[in-house]
Amino acid sequence: MARRRRLCHVAFMGELYKLHMLSPTTMQECVNSLISTGGEENLEWLCKLLGTIGQQLESEKATRILTAGPKFMTNTLNTLKELSNDKSLPLRIRFALLVSF
């Protein structure tokens, strides 16, 4: 139940971003934090977050604001691709990563 609640919080953050209540830089930090922390739950949350905000975060306006610039989403998707090939992760997480990009 707690895991589902945390997943809903991540989706809520994504919805706040879509309503322009959170900045692209804040979302970039969230994505980077979820990737760097790793772990099954964090990667699942990352997939949920990117499913919610990925298209908007990739837009031209957002990429100008991001500190990493337009290559942020490219680098993120490359990292997801590498993680999806990691045999130590469960199949459920690897499939979620594949679907994310």
N, C-alpha and C. Protein backbone atom coordinates (compact mmCIF):
# COMPACT_ATOMS: atom_id res chain seq x y z
N MET A 1 0.82 -1.18 0.00
CA MET A 1 0.00 0.00 0.00
C MET A 1 0.88 1.27 0.00
N ALA A 2 1.95 1.23 0.79
CA ALA A 2 2.85 2.39 0.84
C ALA A 2 3.55 2.58 -0.50
N ARG A 3 3.90 1.47 -1.14
CA ARG A 3 4.56 1.55 -2.45
C ARG A 3 3.64 2.19 -3.48
N ARG A 4 2.38 1.81 -3.47
CA ARG A 4 1.41 2.37 -4.40
C ARG A 4 1.21 3.86 -4.13
N ARG A 5 1.22 4.23 -2.86
CA ARG A 5 1.05 5.63 -2.49
C ARG A 5 2.22 6.47 -3.00
N ARG A 6 3.45 5.94 -2.86
CA ARG A 6 4.62 6.67 -3.34
C ARG A 6 4.59 6.80 -4.86
N LEU A 7 4.13 5.77 -5.53
CA LEU A 7 4.01 5.83 -6.99
C LEU A 7 3.01 6.90 -7.40
N CYS A 8 1.94 7.03 -6.65
CA CYS A 8 0.95 8.08 -6.92
C CYS A 8 1.54 9.46 -6.66
N HIS A 9 2.42 9.59 -5.67
CA HIS A 9 3.06 10.87 -5.42
C HIS A 9 3.93 11.29 -6.59
N VAL A 10 4.62 10.34 -7.18
CA VAL A 10 5.46 10.64 -8.34
C VAL A 10 4.58 11.09 -9.51
N ALA A 11 3.47 10.41 -9.72
CA ALA A 11 2.54 10.81 -10.78
C ALA A 11 1.97 12.19 -10.50
N PHE A 12 1.71 12.48 -9.24
CA PHE A 12 1.19 13.80 -8.85
C PHE A 12 2.22 14.89 -9.16
N MET A 13 3.49 14.62 -8.88
CA MET A 13 4.53 15.59 -9.21
C MET A 13 4.57 15.84 -10.72
N GLY A 14 4.39 14.78 -11.50
CA GLY A 14 4.36 14.93 -12.94
C GLY A 14 3.19 15.79 -13.40
N GLU A 15 2.05 15.59 -12.77
CA GLU A 15 0.88 16.41 -13.12
C GLU A 15 1.08 17.87 -12.72
N LEU A 16 1.74 18.11 -11.59
CA LEU A 16 2.05 19.49 -11.20
C LEU A 16 2.97 20.14 -12.22
N TYR A 17 3.92 19.38 -12.74
CA TYR A 17 4.81 19.90 -13.77
C TYR A 17 4.03 20.24 -15.04
N LYS A 18 3.11 19.38 -15.41
CA LYS A 18 2.33 19.62 -16.62
C LYS A 18 1.48 20.88 -16.49
N LEU A 19 1.12 21.23 -15.26
CA LEU A 19 0.35 22.46 -15.01
C LEU A 19 1.27 23.67 -14.77
N HIS A 20 2.56 23.50 -15.02
CA HIS A 20 3.58 24.55 -14.87
C HIS A 20 3.71 25.04 -13.43
N MET A 21 3.47 24.15 -12.48
CA MET A 21 3.63 24.50 -11.07
C MET A 21 5.01 24.07 -10.56
N LEU A 22 5.70 23.24 -11.31
CA LEU A 22 7.08 22.85 -11.01
C LEU A 22 7.92 23.17 -12.24
N SER A 23 9.16 23.55 -12.02
CA SER A 23 10.01 23.95 -13.13
C SER A 23 10.66 22.73 -13.80
N PRO A 24 11.06 22.89 -15.06
CA PRO A 24 11.78 21.80 -15.73
C PRO A 24 13.08 21.42 -15.01
N THR A 25 13.72 22.39 -14.40
CA THR A 25 14.96 22.10 -13.68
C THR A 25 14.69 21.20 -12.48
N THR A 26 13.58 21.44 -11.80
CA THR A 26 13.20 20.58 -10.67
C THR A 26 12.94 19.16 -11.14
N MET A 27 12.28 19.02 -12.26
CA MET A 27 11.98 17.68 -12.77
C MET A 27 13.26 17.01 -13.26
N GLN A 28 14.19 17.78 -13.80
CA GLN A 28 15.47 17.22 -14.22
C GLN A 28 16.20 16.66 -13.00
N GLU A 29 16.17 17.38 -11.90
CA GLU A 29 16.80 16.90 -10.68
C GLU A 29 16.12 15.63 -10.17
N CYS A 30 14.81 15.56 -10.27
CA CYS A 30 14.08 14.35 -9.85
C CYS A 30 14.49 13.16 -10.71
N VAL A 31 14.54 13.35 -12.01
CA VAL A 31 14.92 12.26 -12.92
C VAL A 31 16.35 11.81 -12.63
N ASN A 32 17.25 12.78 -12.49
CA ASN A 32 18.65 12.43 -12.20
C ASN A 32 18.78 11.71 -10.87
N SER A 33 18.02 12.14 -9.89
CA SER A 33 18.06 11.51 -8.57
C SER A 33 17.56 10.07 -8.64
N LEU A 34 16.47 9.85 -9.36
CA LEU A 34 15.92 8.50 -9.47
C LEU A 34 16.87 7.57 -10.23
N ILE A 35 17.55 8.10 -11.24
CA ILE A 35 18.50 7.28 -11.99
C ILE A 35 19.72 6.95 -11.13
N SER A 36 20.26 7.96 -10.47
CA SER A 36 21.49 7.74 -9.71
C SER A 36 21.28 6.87 -8.48
N THR A 37 20.11 6.95 -7.87
CA THR A 37 19.83 6.14 -6.70
C THR A 37 19.66 4.68 -7.08
N GLY A 38 19.07 4.44 -8.24
CA GLY A 38 18.87 3.07 -8.71
C GLY A 38 17.85 2.34 -7.85
N GLY A 39 17.88 1.05 -7.88
CA GLY A 39 16.91 0.26 -7.13
C GLY A 39 15.64 0.05 -7.92
N GLU A 40 14.97 -1.04 -7.63
CA GLU A 40 13.77 -1.39 -8.37
C GLU A 40 12.67 -0.35 -8.25
N GLU A 41 12.38 0.07 -7.03
CA GLU A 41 11.30 1.03 -6.83
C GLU A 41 11.59 2.35 -7.51
N ASN A 42 12.82 2.84 -7.38
CA ASN A 42 13.16 4.12 -8.00
C ASN A 42 13.07 4.06 -9.52
N LEU A 43 13.47 2.95 -10.10
CA LEU A 43 13.36 2.82 -11.55
C LEU A 43 11.90 2.72 -11.98
N GLU A 44 11.08 2.08 -11.16
CA GLU A 44 9.65 2.02 -11.47
C GLU A 44 9.04 3.42 -11.40
N TRP A 45 9.43 4.18 -10.39
CA TRP A 45 8.94 5.56 -10.27
C TRP A 45 9.42 6.41 -11.44
N LEU A 46 10.66 6.18 -11.86
CA LEU A 46 11.21 6.91 -13.00
C LEU A 46 10.38 6.64 -14.26
N CYS A 47 10.02 5.39 -14.47
CA CYS A 47 9.20 5.04 -15.64
C CYS A 47 7.85 5.73 -15.58
N LYS A 48 7.26 5.77 -14.40
CA LYS A 48 5.96 6.43 -14.22
C LYS A 48 6.10 7.93 -14.47
N LEU A 49 7.15 8.53 -13.94
CA LEU A 49 7.37 9.96 -14.11
C LEU A 49 7.60 10.32 -15.57
N LEU A 50 8.45 9.55 -16.26
CA LEU A 50 8.71 9.84 -17.66
C LEU A 50 7.48 9.58 -18.53
N GLY A 51 6.67 8.62 -18.13
CA GLY A 51 5.42 8.40 -18.86
C GLY A 51 4.48 9.58 -18.74
N THR A 52 4.57 10.27 -17.62
CA THR A 52 3.69 11.42 -17.38
C THR A 52 4.23 12.69 -18.02
N ILE A 53 5.53 12.94 -17.90
CA ILE A 53 6.08 14.23 -18.32
C ILE A 53 7.09 14.16 -19.46
N GLY A 54 7.41 12.99 -19.93
CA GLY A 54 8.47 12.84 -20.91
C GLY A 54 8.32 13.70 -22.14
N GLN A 55 7.13 13.71 -22.71
CA GLN A 55 6.92 14.47 -23.94
C GLN A 55 7.07 15.97 -23.69
N GLN A 56 6.51 16.43 -22.59
CA GLN A 56 6.59 17.85 -22.29
C GLN A 56 8.01 18.25 -21.90
N LEU A 57 8.71 17.38 -21.19
CA LEU A 57 10.08 17.67 -20.79
C LEU A 57 11.01 17.72 -22.00
N GLU A 58 10.66 16.99 -23.03
CA GLU A 58 11.47 16.94 -24.23
C GLU A 58 11.20 18.11 -25.17
N SER A 59 10.15 18.85 -24.89
CA SER A 59 9.78 19.95 -25.78
C SER A 59 10.89 21.00 -25.86
N GLU A 60 10.85 21.78 -26.89
CA GLU A 60 11.89 22.77 -27.14
C GLU A 60 11.99 23.79 -26.01
N LYS A 61 10.88 24.23 -25.48
CA LYS A 61 10.88 25.23 -24.42
C LYS A 61 11.57 24.70 -23.16
N ALA A 62 11.27 23.48 -22.80
CA ALA A 62 11.85 22.90 -21.59
C ALA A 62 13.34 22.66 -21.76
N THR A 63 13.77 22.22 -22.93
CA THR A 63 15.18 21.91 -23.11
C THR A 63 16.05 23.16 -23.06
N ARG A 64 15.50 24.31 -23.37
CA ARG A 64 16.26 25.54 -23.24
C ARG A 64 16.49 25.91 -21.78
N ILE A 65 15.56 25.54 -20.94
CA ILE A 65 15.65 25.90 -19.53
C ILE A 65 16.55 24.94 -18.75
N LEU A 66 16.57 23.69 -19.16
CA LEU A 66 17.32 22.67 -18.42
C LEU A 66 18.80 22.98 -18.39
N THR A 67 19.43 22.66 -17.27
CA THR A 67 20.86 22.92 -17.14
C THR A 67 21.68 22.03 -18.06
N ALA A 68 21.18 20.83 -18.34
CA ALA A 68 21.90 19.91 -19.22
C ALA A 68 21.61 20.20 -20.69
N GLY A 69 20.67 21.08 -20.97
CA GLY A 69 20.36 21.45 -22.34
C GLY A 69 19.58 20.38 -23.08
N PRO A 70 19.57 20.47 -24.40
CA PRO A 70 18.77 19.56 -25.21
C PRO A 70 19.24 18.11 -25.14
N LYS A 71 20.44 17.87 -24.68
CA LYS A 71 20.93 16.50 -24.62
C LYS A 71 20.45 15.76 -23.38
N PHE A 72 19.72 16.44 -22.50
CA PHE A 72 19.27 15.80 -21.27
C PHE A 72 18.41 14.58 -21.55
N MET A 73 17.41 14.72 -22.39
CA MET A 73 16.52 13.59 -22.66
C MET A 73 17.24 12.50 -23.44
N THR A 74 18.13 12.88 -24.34
CA THR A 74 18.91 11.88 -25.08
C THR A 74 19.76 11.06 -24.13
N ASN A 75 20.43 11.74 -23.21
CA ASN A 75 21.25 11.03 -22.22
C ASN A 75 20.40 10.16 -21.31
N THR A 76 19.24 10.66 -20.92
CA THR A 76 18.35 9.89 -20.06
C THR A 76 17.86 8.64 -20.78
N LEU A 77 17.48 8.77 -22.02
CA LEU A 77 16.99 7.61 -22.77
C LEU A 77 18.11 6.61 -23.02
N ASN A 78 19.33 7.08 -23.23
CA ASN A 78 20.46 6.16 -23.38
C ASN A 78 20.71 5.39 -22.09
N THR A 79 20.58 6.08 -20.97
CA THR A 79 20.74 5.42 -19.67
C THR A 79 19.66 4.38 -19.46
N LEU A 80 18.42 4.71 -19.83
CA LEU A 80 17.32 3.74 -19.71
C LEU A 80 17.56 2.52 -20.58
N LYS A 81 18.10 2.75 -21.76
CA LYS A 81 18.40 1.63 -22.66
C LYS A 81 19.46 0.72 -22.05
N GLU A 82 20.50 1.31 -21.46
CA GLU A 82 21.53 0.52 -20.80
C GLU A 82 20.96 -0.27 -19.63
N LEU A 83 20.11 0.38 -18.84
CA LEU A 83 19.51 -0.29 -17.69
C LEU A 83 18.57 -1.41 -18.11
N SER A 84 17.92 -1.25 -19.25
CA SER A 84 16.99 -2.29 -19.71
C SER A 84 17.72 -3.56 -20.12
N ASN A 85 19.01 -3.45 -20.39
CA ASN A 85 19.82 -4.62 -20.73
C ASN A 85 20.50 -5.24 -19.51
N ASP A 86 20.31 -4.65 -18.35
CA ASP A 86 20.94 -5.13 -17.12
C ASP A 86 20.21 -6.38 -16.63
N LYS A 87 20.90 -7.50 -16.69
CA LYS A 87 20.29 -8.79 -16.33
C LYS A 87 20.03 -8.93 -14.83
N SER A 88 20.63 -8.06 -14.02
CA SER A 88 20.41 -8.17 -12.57
C SER A 88 19.06 -7.58 -12.16
N LEU A 89 18.43 -6.80 -13.03
CA LEU A 89 17.11 -6.24 -12.72
C LEU A 89 16.02 -7.25 -13.06
N PRO A 90 14.92 -7.21 -12.33
CA PRO A 90 13.80 -8.11 -12.65
C PRO A 90 13.22 -7.79 -14.03
N LEU A 91 12.63 -8.79 -14.64
CA LEU A 91 12.05 -8.60 -15.98
C LEU A 91 10.98 -7.52 -16.00
N ARG A 92 10.21 -7.41 -14.93
CA ARG A 92 9.14 -6.41 -14.86
C ARG A 92 9.72 -5.00 -15.00
N ILE A 93 10.81 -4.74 -14.31
CA ILE A 93 11.45 -3.42 -14.36
C ILE A 93 12.11 -3.21 -15.72
N ARG A 94 12.78 -4.23 -16.23
CA ARG A 94 13.43 -4.09 -17.54
C ARG A 94 12.40 -3.81 -18.63
N PHE A 95 11.26 -4.47 -18.58
CA PHE A 95 10.22 -4.21 -19.56
C PHE A 95 9.67 -2.80 -19.40
N ALA A 96 9.47 -2.34 -18.17
CA ALA A 96 8.99 -0.98 -17.95
C ALA A 96 9.97 0.05 -18.51
N LEU A 97 11.26 -0.23 -18.35
CA LEU A 97 12.27 0.67 -18.91
C LEU A 97 12.22 0.67 -20.43
N LEU A 98 12.01 -0.49 -21.04
CA LEU A 98 11.90 -0.56 -22.50
C LEU A 98 10.71 0.22 -23.01
N VAL A 99 9.60 0.14 -22.30
CA VAL A 99 8.38 0.83 -22.71
C VAL A 99 8.54 2.34 -22.55
N SER A 100 9.40 2.78 -21.62
CA SER A 100 9.57 4.21 -21.34
C SER A 100 10.21 4.96 -22.49
N PHE A 101 11.01 4.26 -23.28
CA PHE A 101 11.60 4.98 -24.42
C PHE A 101 11.13 4.32 -25.65
